[in-house]
């Protein structure tokens, strides 16, 4: 089976799938059934225009000297014999979830590093090298401790929900098409949806018991385990994360108190 063909330039992306084209630009995702396409017209060596059966046109992303002709040939080959004259009426557009541009991520990272260096330098210059070293370790400790505490608390909350309304099933070891054992298990919930889980991936058995939340089976599930193991594990996680967070708070506040 041929992989879906993609034509992309920046955030303008066209994907040829089975029976339709998906065109993504900024946050708009447009789906064009191939039955609504009259032809794909080449307007240059690397540029294509989609012509619909009602005469409307849509510009496709500009590829290169190889990708544009290949995409043109793939779409032309996939067009059905019977077309629908409705054209644009068959086209649907929806708005994708908001996303953060790459440049904003890099700008935020550079700003954070700059603020971190300035904070450590100012603390060391104002309160001595010892307090500067404390400030140097404070920020990583705050980040690691905060994230660790948040993760442990979130996991503990999920375990409480699973204890209250979880359904336990037998998950079986997954295998790759070549017969090699995969590092995950799979199970099917009461709605018939199959879910993969990496819980218990280090176990040698072909089956494990998995408990899942029927309201969110794909995102909230875990390997079944005794209650005392769950309590001890999450208590240690909360204590460790809270301890690192406390050290980070001490390093950040010590020079100024």
C-alpha atoms as a PDB file:
ATOM      1  CA  UNK A   1       0.000   0.000   0.000  1.00  0.00           C
ATOM      2  CA  UNK A   2       1.433   3.348  -1.041  1.00  0.00           C
ATOM      3  CA  UNK A   3       2.023   5.862   1.750  1.00  0.00           C
ATOM      4  CA  UNK A   4      -0.048   9.086   1.644  1.00  0.00           C
ATOM      5  CA  UNK A   5       1.706  11.675  -0.532  1.00  0.00           C
ATOM      6  CA  UNK A   6       2.547  15.020   1.076  1.00  0.00           C
ATOM      7  CA  UNK A   7       3.311  18.397  -0.486  1.00  0.00           C
ATOM      8  CA  UNK A   8       4.447  21.009   2.017  1.00  0.00           C
ATOM      9  CA  UNK A   9       5.964  24.456   2.235  1.00  0.00           C
ATOM     10  CA  UNK A  10       6.150  25.949   5.719  1.00  0.00           C
ATOM     11  CA  UNK A  11       2.748  25.659   7.379  1.00  0.00           C
ATOM     12  CA  UNK A  12       0.953  25.104   4.045  1.00  0.00           C
ATOM     13  CA  UNK A  13       0.523  21.329   3.697  1.00  0.00           C
ATOM     14  CA  UNK A  14      -1.451  19.138   1.290  1.00  0.00           C
ATOM     15  CA  UNK A  15      -1.881  15.406   1.966  1.00  0.00           C
ATOM     16  CA  UNK A  16      -3.338  12.925  -0.518  1.00  0.00           C
ATOM     17  CA  UNK A  17      -5.255  10.297   1.411  1.00  0.00           C
ATOM     18  CA  UNK A  18      -7.614   7.535   0.385  1.00  0.00           C
ATOM     19  CA  UNK A  19     -10.484   9.292  -1.399  1.00  0.00           C
ATOM     20  CA  UNK A  20      -9.733  12.874  -0.381  1.00  0.00           C
ATOM     21  CA  UNK A  21      -7.180  15.658  -0.094  1.00  0.00           C
ATOM     22  CA  UNK A  22      -6.420  17.396   3.188  1.00  0.00           C
ATOM     23  CA  UNK A  23      -5.075  20.940   2.931  1.00  0.00           C
ATOM     24  CA  UNK A  24      -3.682  22.547   6.082  1.00  0.00           C
ATOM     25  CA  UNK A  25      -2.812  26.239   6.232  1.00  0.00           C
ATOM     26  CA  UNK A  26      -2.248  28.082   9.496  1.00  0.00           C
ATOM     27  CA  UNK A  27      -5.034  26.662  11.711  1.00  0.00           C
ATOM     28  CA  UNK A  28      -7.500  25.855   8.916  1.00  0.00           C
ATOM     29  CA  UNK A  29      -7.855  22.203   7.832  1.00  0.00           C
ATOM     30  CA  UNK A  30      -9.734  21.772   4.552  1.00  0.00           C
ATOM     31  CA  UNK A  31     -10.943  18.392   3.317  1.00  0.00           C
ATOM     32  CA  UNK A  32     -11.570  18.053  -0.424  1.00  0.00           C
ATOM     33  CA  UNK A  33     -13.166  14.808  -1.678  1.00  0.00           C
ATOM     34  CA  UNK A  34     -11.468  13.616  -4.845  1.00  0.00           C
ATOM     35  CA  UNK A  35     -14.919  13.335  -6.451  1.00  0.00           C
ATOM     36  CA  UNK A  36     -15.112  17.145  -6.246  1.00  0.00           C
ATOM     37  CA  UNK A  37     -11.809  17.636  -8.119  1.00  0.00           C
ATOM     38  CA  UNK A  38     -11.824  18.181 -11.876  1.00  0.00           C
ATOM     39  CA  UNK A  39      -8.046  18.296 -12.278  1.00  0.00           C
ATOM     40  CA  UNK A  40      -4.758  19.314 -10.747  1.00  0.00           C
ATOM     41  CA  UNK A  41      -3.248  21.955 -12.982  1.00  0.00           C
ATOM     42  CA  UNK A  42       0.457  22.756 -13.138  1.00  0.00           C
ATOM     43  CA  UNK A  43       1.028  26.514 -13.205  1.00  0.00           C
ATOM     44  CA  UNK A  44       4.799  26.310 -13.055  1.00  0.00           C
ATOM     45  CA  UNK A  45       7.682  23.926 -12.541  1.00  0.00           C
ATOM     46  CA  UNK A  46       6.940  23.624  -8.820  1.00  0.00           C
ATOM     47  CA  UNK A  47       3.431  25.089  -8.369  1.00  0.00           C
ATOM     48  CA  UNK A  48       0.026  23.392  -8.588  1.00  0.00           C
ATOM     49  CA  UNK A  49      -3.598  24.547  -8.534  1.00  0.00           C
ATOM     50  CA  UNK A  50      -6.540  22.351  -7.598  1.00  0.00           C
ATOM     51  CA  UNK A  51      -9.492  22.893  -9.948  1.00  0.00           C
ATOM     52  CA  UNK A  52     -12.866  21.768  -8.583  1.00  0.00           C
ATOM     53  CA  UNK A  53     -15.777  20.505 -10.673  1.00  0.00           C
ATOM     54  CA  UNK A  54     -17.680  23.793 -10.246  1.00  0.00           C
ATOM     55  CA  UNK A  55     -14.720  25.820 -11.530  1.00  0.00           C
ATOM     56  CA  UNK A  56     -13.427  27.022  -8.163  1.00  0.00           C
ATOM     57  CA  UNK A  57      -9.680  26.779  -7.584  1.00  0.00           C
ATOM     58  CA  UNK A  58      -7.425  26.248  -4.588  1.00  0.00           C
ATOM     59  CA  UNK A  59      -3.692  26.839  -4.557  1.00  0.00           C
ATOM     60  CA  UNK A  60      -1.611  23.934  -3.313  1.00  0.00           C
ATOM     61  CA  UNK A  61       1.743  24.282  -1.509  1.00  0.00           C
ATOM     62  CA  UNK A  62       4.722  24.884  -3.761  1.00  0.00           C
ATOM     63  CA  UNK A  63       7.055  21.906  -3.798  1.00  0.00           C
ATOM     64  CA  UNK A  64      10.364  21.340  -5.535  1.00  0.00           C
ATOM     65  CA  UNK A  65      11.250  20.048  -8.989  1.00  0.00           C
ATOM     66  CA  UNK A  66      10.623  16.449  -7.870  1.00  0.00           C
ATOM     67  CA  UNK A  67       7.857  16.612  -5.268  1.00  0.00           C
ATOM     68  CA  UNK A  68       5.468  18.827  -7.255  1.00  0.00           C
ATOM     69  CA  UNK A  69       5.367  16.574 -10.381  1.00  0.00           C
ATOM     70  CA  UNK A  70       5.129  13.478  -8.172  1.00  0.00           C
ATOM     71  CA  UNK A  71       2.188  14.961  -6.247  1.00  0.00           C
ATOM     72  CA  UNK A  72       0.533  16.026  -9.517  1.00  0.00           C
ATOM     73  CA  UNK A  73       0.863  12.501 -10.904  1.00  0.00           C
ATOM     74  CA  UNK A  74      -0.382  10.874  -7.686  1.00  0.00           C
ATOM     75  CA  UNK A  75      -3.509  13.046  -7.451  1.00  0.00           C
ATOM     76  CA  UNK A  76      -4.283  12.652 -11.164  1.00  0.00           C
ATOM     77  CA  UNK A  77      -3.981   8.890 -10.870  1.00  0.00           C
ATOM     78  CA  UNK A  78      -6.248   8.828  -7.788  1.00  0.00           C
ATOM     79  CA  UNK A  79      -9.094  10.876  -9.319  1.00  0.00           C
ATOM     80  CA  UNK A  80     -12.253   8.773  -9.722  1.00  0.00           C
ATOM     81  CA  UNK A  81     -13.982   8.345 -13.071  1.00  0.00           C
ATOM     82  CA  UNK A  82     -17.290   9.658 -11.714  1.00  0.00           C
ATOM     83  CA  UNK A  83     -17.061  13.257 -10.439  1.00  0.00           C
ATOM     84  CA  UNK A  84     -19.600  15.286  -8.498  1.00  0.00           C
ATOM     85  CA  UNK A  85     -20.496  18.655 -10.090  1.00  0.00           C
ATOM     86  CA  UNK A  86     -21.239  20.123  -6.649  1.00  0.00           C
ATOM     87  CA  UNK A  87     -17.539  20.938  -6.288  1.00  0.00           C
ATOM     88  CA  UNK A  88     -17.075  23.533  -3.550  1.00  0.00           C
ATOM     89  CA  UNK A  89     -20.250  22.413  -1.762  1.00  0.00           C
ATOM     90  CA  UNK A  90     -18.480  19.164  -0.854  1.00  0.00           C
ATOM     91  CA  UNK A  91     -15.466  20.919   0.639  1.00  0.00           C
ATOM     92  CA  UNK A  92     -15.362  21.236   4.433  1.00  0.00           C
ATOM     93  CA  UNK A  93     -13.085  23.408   6.582  1.00  0.00           C
ATOM     94  CA  UNK A  94     -12.490  23.207  10.309  1.00  0.00           C
ATOM     95  CA  UNK A  95     -10.212  25.053  12.697  1.00  0.00           C
ATOM     96  CA  UNK A  96      -7.358  23.112  14.251  1.00  0.00           C
ATOM     97  CA  UNK A  97      -6.434  23.539  17.944  1.00  0.00           C
ATOM     98  CA  UNK A  98      -4.194  26.464  18.772  1.00  0.00           C
ATOM     99  CA  UNK A  99      -0.461  25.799  18.631  1.00  0.00           C
ATOM    100  CA  UNK A 100       2.622  27.730  19.664  1.00  0.00           C
ATOM    101  CA  UNK A 101       4.893  28.829  16.771  1.00  0.00           C
ATOM    102  CA  UNK A 102       8.440  27.460  16.816  1.00  0.00           C
ATOM    103  CA  UNK A 103       9.904  30.964  16.920  1.00  0.00           C
ATOM    104  CA  UNK A 104       7.905  31.717  20.073  1.00  0.00           C
ATOM    105  CA  UNK A 105       9.266  28.578  21.739  1.00  0.00           C
ATOM    106  CA  UNK A 106      12.843  29.550  20.886  1.00  0.00           C
ATOM    107  CA  UNK A 107      12.256  33.150  22.009  1.00  0.00           C
ATOM    108  CA  UNK A 108      10.848  31.925  25.323  1.00  0.00           C
ATOM    109  CA  UNK A 109      13.787  29.541  25.829  1.00  0.00           C
ATOM    110  CA  UNK A 110      16.363  32.261  25.102  1.00  0.00           C
ATOM    111  CA  UNK A 111      14.533  34.677  27.390  1.00  0.00           C
ATOM    112  CA  UNK A 112      14.429  32.113  30.197  1.00  0.00           C
ATOM    113  CA  UNK A 113      18.160  31.333  29.916  1.00  0.00           C
ATOM    114  CA  UNK A 114      18.982  35.041  29.819  1.00  0.00           C
ATOM    115  CA  UNK A 115      16.876  35.746  32.917  1.00  0.00           C
ATOM    116  CA  UNK A 116      18.447  32.738  34.690  1.00  0.00           C
ATOM    117  CA  UNK A 117      22.003  33.897  33.985  1.00  0.00           C
ATOM    118  CA  UNK A 118      21.185  37.463  35.052  1.00  0.00           C
ATOM    119  CA  UNK A 119      19.554  36.240  38.278  1.00  0.00           C
ATOM    120  CA  UNK A 120      22.551  34.066  39.214  1.00  0.00           C
ATOM    121  CA  UNK A 121      25.040  36.837  38.373  1.00  0.00           C
ATOM    122  CA  UNK A 122      23.111  39.460  40.339  1.00  0.00           C
ATOM    123  CA  UNK A 123      22.739  37.184  43.364  1.00  0.00           C
ATOM    124  CA  UNK A 124      26.443  36.286  43.359  1.00  0.00           C
ATOM    125  CA  UNK A 125      27.509  39.916  42.909  1.00  0.00           C
ATOM    126  CA  UNK A 126      25.196  41.182  45.656  1.00  0.00           C
ATOM    127  CA  UNK A 127      25.391  38.388  48.247  1.00  0.00           C
ATOM    128  CA  UNK A 128      28.635  36.538  47.614  1.00  0.00           C
ATOM    129  CA  UNK A 129      29.688  33.526  45.586  1.00  0.00           C
ATOM    130  CA  UNK A 130      28.138  31.059  48.050  1.00  0.00           C
ATOM    131  CA  UNK A 131      24.667  32.526  47.572  1.00  0.00           C
ATOM    132  CA  UNK A 132      25.337  32.706  43.833  1.00  0.00           C
ATOM    133  CA  UNK A 133      25.912  28.947  43.752  1.00  0.00           C
ATOM    134  CA  UNK A 134      22.725  28.431  45.774  1.00  0.00           C
ATOM    135  CA  UNK A 135      20.812  30.518  43.244  1.00  0.00           C
ATOM    136  CA  UNK A 136      22.455  28.566  40.404  1.00  0.00           C
ATOM    137  CA  UNK A 137      21.020  25.299  41.721  1.00  0.00           C
ATOM    138  CA  UNK A 138      17.710  26.790  42.816  1.00  0.00           C
ATOM    139  CA  UNK A 139      16.094  27.197  39.407  1.00  0.00           C
ATOM    140  CA  UNK A 140      16.716  23.615  38.168  1.00  0.00           C
ATOM    141  CA  UNK A 141      15.566  22.311  41.550  1.00  0.00           C
ATOM    142  CA  UNK A 142      12.385  24.368  41.363  1.00  0.00           C
ATOM    143  CA  UNK A 143      11.655  23.082  37.852  1.00  0.00           C
ATOM    144  CA  UNK A 144      12.480  19.439  38.574  1.00  0.00           C
ATOM    145  CA  UNK A 145      10.795  19.441  41.969  1.00  0.00           C
ATOM    146  CA  UNK A 146       7.711  21.233  40.707  1.00  0.00           C
ATOM    147  CA  UNK A 147       7.283  18.957  37.698  1.00  0.00           C
ATOM    148  CA  UNK A 148       7.995  15.852  39.789  1.00  0.00           C
ATOM    149  CA  UNK A 149       5.466  16.848  42.447  1.00  0.00           C
ATOM    150  CA  UNK A 150       2.873  17.678  39.803  1.00  0.00           C
ATOM    151  CA  UNK A 151       3.439  14.341  38.020  1.00  0.00           C
ATOM    152  CA  UNK A 152       3.203  12.367  41.280  1.00  0.00           C
ATOM    153  CA  UNK A 153       0.033  14.204  42.317  1.00  0.00           C
ATOM    154  CA  UNK A 154      -1.536  13.670  38.880  1.00  0.00           C
ATOM    155  CA  UNK A 155      -0.665   9.965  38.957  1.00  0.00           C
ATOM    156  CA  UNK A 156      -2.085   9.636  42.484  1.00  0.00           C
ATOM    157  CA  UNK A 157      -5.307  11.308  41.364  1.00  0.00           C
ATOM    158  CA  UNK A 158      -5.576   8.899  38.415  1.00  0.00           C
ATOM    159  CA  UNK A 159      -5.018   5.926  40.718  1.00  0.00           C
ATOM    160  CA  UNK A 160      -7.793   7.145  43.029  1.00  0.00           C
ATOM    161  CA  UNK A 161     -10.165   7.432  40.060  1.00  0.00           C
ATOM    162  CA  UNK A 162      -9.168   3.950  38.867  1.00  0.00           C
ATOM    163  CA  UNK A 163      -9.773   2.541  42.344  1.00  0.00           C
ATOM    164  CA  UNK A 164     -13.232   4.105  42.376  1.00  0.00           C
ATOM    165  CA  UNK A 165     -14.504   3.294  38.877  1.00  0.00           C
ATOM    166  CA  UNK A 166     -11.825   1.258  37.095  1.00  0.00           C
ATOM    167  CA  UNK A 167     -12.517  -1.865  35.040  1.00  0.00           C
ATOM    168  CA  UNK A 168      -9.854  -4.590  35.022  1.00  0.00           C
ATOM    169  CA  UNK A 169      -9.122  -6.570  31.846  1.00  0.00           C
ATOM    170  CA  UNK A 170      -6.403  -8.875  30.559  1.00  0.00           C
ATOM    171  CA  UNK A 171      -3.977  -7.110  28.213  1.00  0.00           C
ATOM    172  CA  UNK A 172      -1.966  -9.261  25.791  1.00  0.00           C
ATOM    173  CA  UNK A 173       1.568  -8.724  24.536  1.00  0.00           C
ATOM    174  CA  UNK A 174       1.688  -7.029  21.129  1.00  0.00           C
ATOM    175  CA  UNK A 175       3.822  -8.324  18.271  1.00  0.00           C
ATOM    176  CA  UNK A 176       5.326  -6.581  15.263  1.00  0.00           C
ATOM    177  CA  UNK A 177       4.340  -7.739  11.740  1.00  0.00           C
ATOM    178  CA  UNK A 178       7.642  -9.635  11.478  1.00  0.00           C
ATOM    179  CA  UNK A 179       6.743 -11.669  14.565  1.00  0.00           C
ATOM    180  CA  UNK A 180       9.128  -9.885  16.949  1.00  0.00           C
ATOM    181  CA  UNK A 181       7.788  -9.248  20.446  1.00  0.00           C
ATOM    182  CA  UNK A 182       6.797  -5.593  21.009  1.00  0.00           C
ATOM    183  CA  UNK A 183       7.530  -3.640  24.203  1.00  0.00           C
ATOM    184  CA  UNK A 184       3.869  -2.907  24.912  1.00  0.00           C
ATOM    185  CA  UNK A 185       0.578  -4.641  25.615  1.00  0.00           C
ATOM    186  CA  UNK A 186      -2.859  -4.035  24.108  1.00  0.00           C
ATOM    187  CA  UNK A 187      -6.384  -4.358  25.454  1.00  0.00           C
ATOM    188  CA  UNK A 188      -9.931  -3.733  24.244  1.00  0.00           C
ATOM    189  CA  UNK A 189     -12.394  -1.757  26.374  1.00  0.00           C
ATOM    190  CA  UNK A 190     -16.142  -2.331  26.709  1.00  0.00           C
ATOM    191  CA  UNK A 191     -16.795  -0.021  23.741  1.00  0.00           C
ATOM    192  CA  UNK A 192     -14.625  -2.171  21.467  1.00  0.00           C
ATOM    193  CA  UNK A 193     -11.756   0.319  21.192  1.00  0.00           C
ATOM    194  CA  UNK A 194      -8.238  -1.147  21.244  1.00  0.00           C
ATOM    195  CA  UNK A 195      -5.621   0.657  23.318  1.00  0.00           C
ATOM    196  CA  UNK A 196      -1.879   0.137  23.625  1.00  0.00           C
ATOM    197  CA  UNK A 197      -0.169   0.468  26.995  1.00  0.00           C
ATOM    198  CA  UNK A 198       3.504   0.481  27.984  1.00  0.00           C
ATOM    199  CA  UNK A 199       2.679  -0.430  31.571  1.00  0.00           C
ATOM    200  CA  UNK A 200       4.405  -3.688  32.446  1.00  0.00           C
ATOM    201  CA  UNK A 201       6.580  -3.526  29.322  1.00  0.00           C
ATOM    202  CA  UNK A 202       9.521  -5.004  31.267  1.00  0.00           C
ATOM    203  CA  UNK A 203       7.584  -8.103  32.261  1.00  0.00           C
ATOM    204  CA  UNK A 204       8.348 -11.399  30.496  1.00  0.00           C
ATOM    205  CA  UNK A 205       4.721 -12.612  30.515  1.00  0.00           C
ATOM    206  CA  UNK A 206       2.384 -12.511  27.510  1.00  0.00           C
ATOM    207  CA  UNK A 207      -0.497 -11.248  29.632  1.00  0.00           C
ATOM    208  CA  UNK A 208      -0.946  -8.640  32.364  1.00  0.00           C
ATOM    209  CA  UNK A 209      -3.963  -7.243  34.165  1.00  0.00           C
ATOM    210  CA  UNK A 210      -4.756  -3.635  33.266  1.00  0.00           C
ATOM    211  CA  UNK A 211      -7.309  -1.418  34.992  1.00  0.00           C
ATOM    212  CA  UNK A 212      -8.786   1.432  32.928  1.00  0.00           C
ATOM    213  CA  UNK A 213     -11.222   4.287  33.427  1.00  0.00           C
ATOM    214  CA  UNK A 214     -14.286   3.699  31.199  1.00  0.00           C
ATOM    215  CA  UNK A 215     -14.654   7.477  30.836  1.00  0.00           C
ATOM    216  CA  UNK A 216     -11.086   7.875  29.507  1.00  0.00           C
ATOM    217  CA  UNK A 217      -9.657   4.430  28.654  1.00  0.00           C
ATOM    218  CA  UNK A 218      -6.876   5.643  26.347  1.00  0.00           C
ATOM    219  CA  UNK A 219      -5.450   8.258  28.722  1.00  0.00           C
ATOM    220  CA  UNK A 220      -6.189   6.836  32.159  1.00  0.00           C
ATOM    221  CA  UNK A 221      -5.128   3.234  32.631  1.00  0.00           C
ATOM    222  CA  UNK A 222      -2.415   1.348  34.515  1.00  0.00           C
ATOM    223  CA  UNK A 223      -1.180  -2.118  35.339  1.00  0.00           C
ATOM    224  CA  UNK A 224      -3.138  -3.685  38.173  1.00  0.00           C
ATOM    225  CA  UNK A 225      -1.115  -3.822  41.413  1.00  0.00           C
ATOM    226  CA  UNK A 226      -1.710  -4.245  45.165  1.00  0.00           C
ATOM    227  CA  UNK A 227      -2.984  -1.167  46.986  1.00  0.00           C
ATOM    228  CA  UNK A 228       0.042  -0.977  49.311  1.00  0.00           C
ATOM    229  CA  UNK A 229       2.404  -0.830  46.306  1.00  0.00           C
ATOM    230  CA  UNK A 230       0.446   2.093  44.870  1.00  0.00           C
ATOM    231  CA  UNK A 231       0.437   3.927  48.212  1.00  0.00           C
ATOM    232  CA  UNK A 232       4.168   3.452  48.857  1.00  0.00           C
ATOM    233  CA  UNK A 233       5.159   4.355  45.298  1.00  0.00           C
ATOM    234  CA  UNK A 234       3.163   7.578  45.185  1.00  0.00           C
ATOM    235  CA  UNK A 235       4.129   8.582  48.728  1.00  0.00           C
ATOM    236  CA  UNK A 236       7.802   8.269  47.780  1.00  0.00           C
ATOM    237  CA  UNK A 237       7.184  10.220  44.588  1.00  0.00           C
ATOM    238  CA  UNK A 238       5.440  13.053  46.418  1.00  0.00           C
ATOM    239  CA  UNK A 239       8.105  13.149  49.139  1.00  0.00           C
ATOM    240  CA  UNK A 240      10.963  13.173  46.625  1.00  0.00           C
ATOM    241  CA  UNK A 241       9.380  15.809  44.408  1.00  0.00           C
ATOM    242  CA  UNK A 242       8.395  17.919  47.415  1.00  0.00           C
ATOM    243  CA  UNK A 243      11.898  17.636  48.907  1.00  0.00           C
ATOM    244  CA  UNK A 244      13.584  18.819  45.702  1.00  0.00           C
ATOM    245  CA  UNK A 245      11.021  21.617  45.406  1.00  0.00           C
ATOM    246  CA  UNK A 246      11.745  22.700  49.003  1.00  0.00           C
ATOM    247  CA  UNK A 247      15.497  22.783  48.305  1.00  0.00           C
ATOM    248  CA  UNK A 248      14.837  24.915  45.250  1.00  0.00           C
ATOM    249  CA  UNK A 249      12.721  27.345  47.264  1.00  0.00           C
ATOM    250  CA  UNK A 250      15.444  27.564  49.896  1.00  0.00           C
ATOM    251  CA  UNK A 251      18.109  28.294  47.271  1.00  0.00           C
ATOM    252  CA  UNK A 252      15.957  30.986  45.683  1.00  0.00           C
ATOM    253  CA  UNK A 253      14.940  32.702  48.947  1.00  0.00           C
ATOM    254  CA  UNK A 254      18.047  32.244  51.148  1.00  0.00           C
ATOM    255  CA  UNK A 255      20.017  35.190  49.692  1.00  0.00           C
ATOM    256  CA  UNK A 256      17.137  37.585  50.363  1.00  0.00           C
ATOM    257  CA  UNK A 257      15.915  36.559  53.814  1.00  0.00           C
END
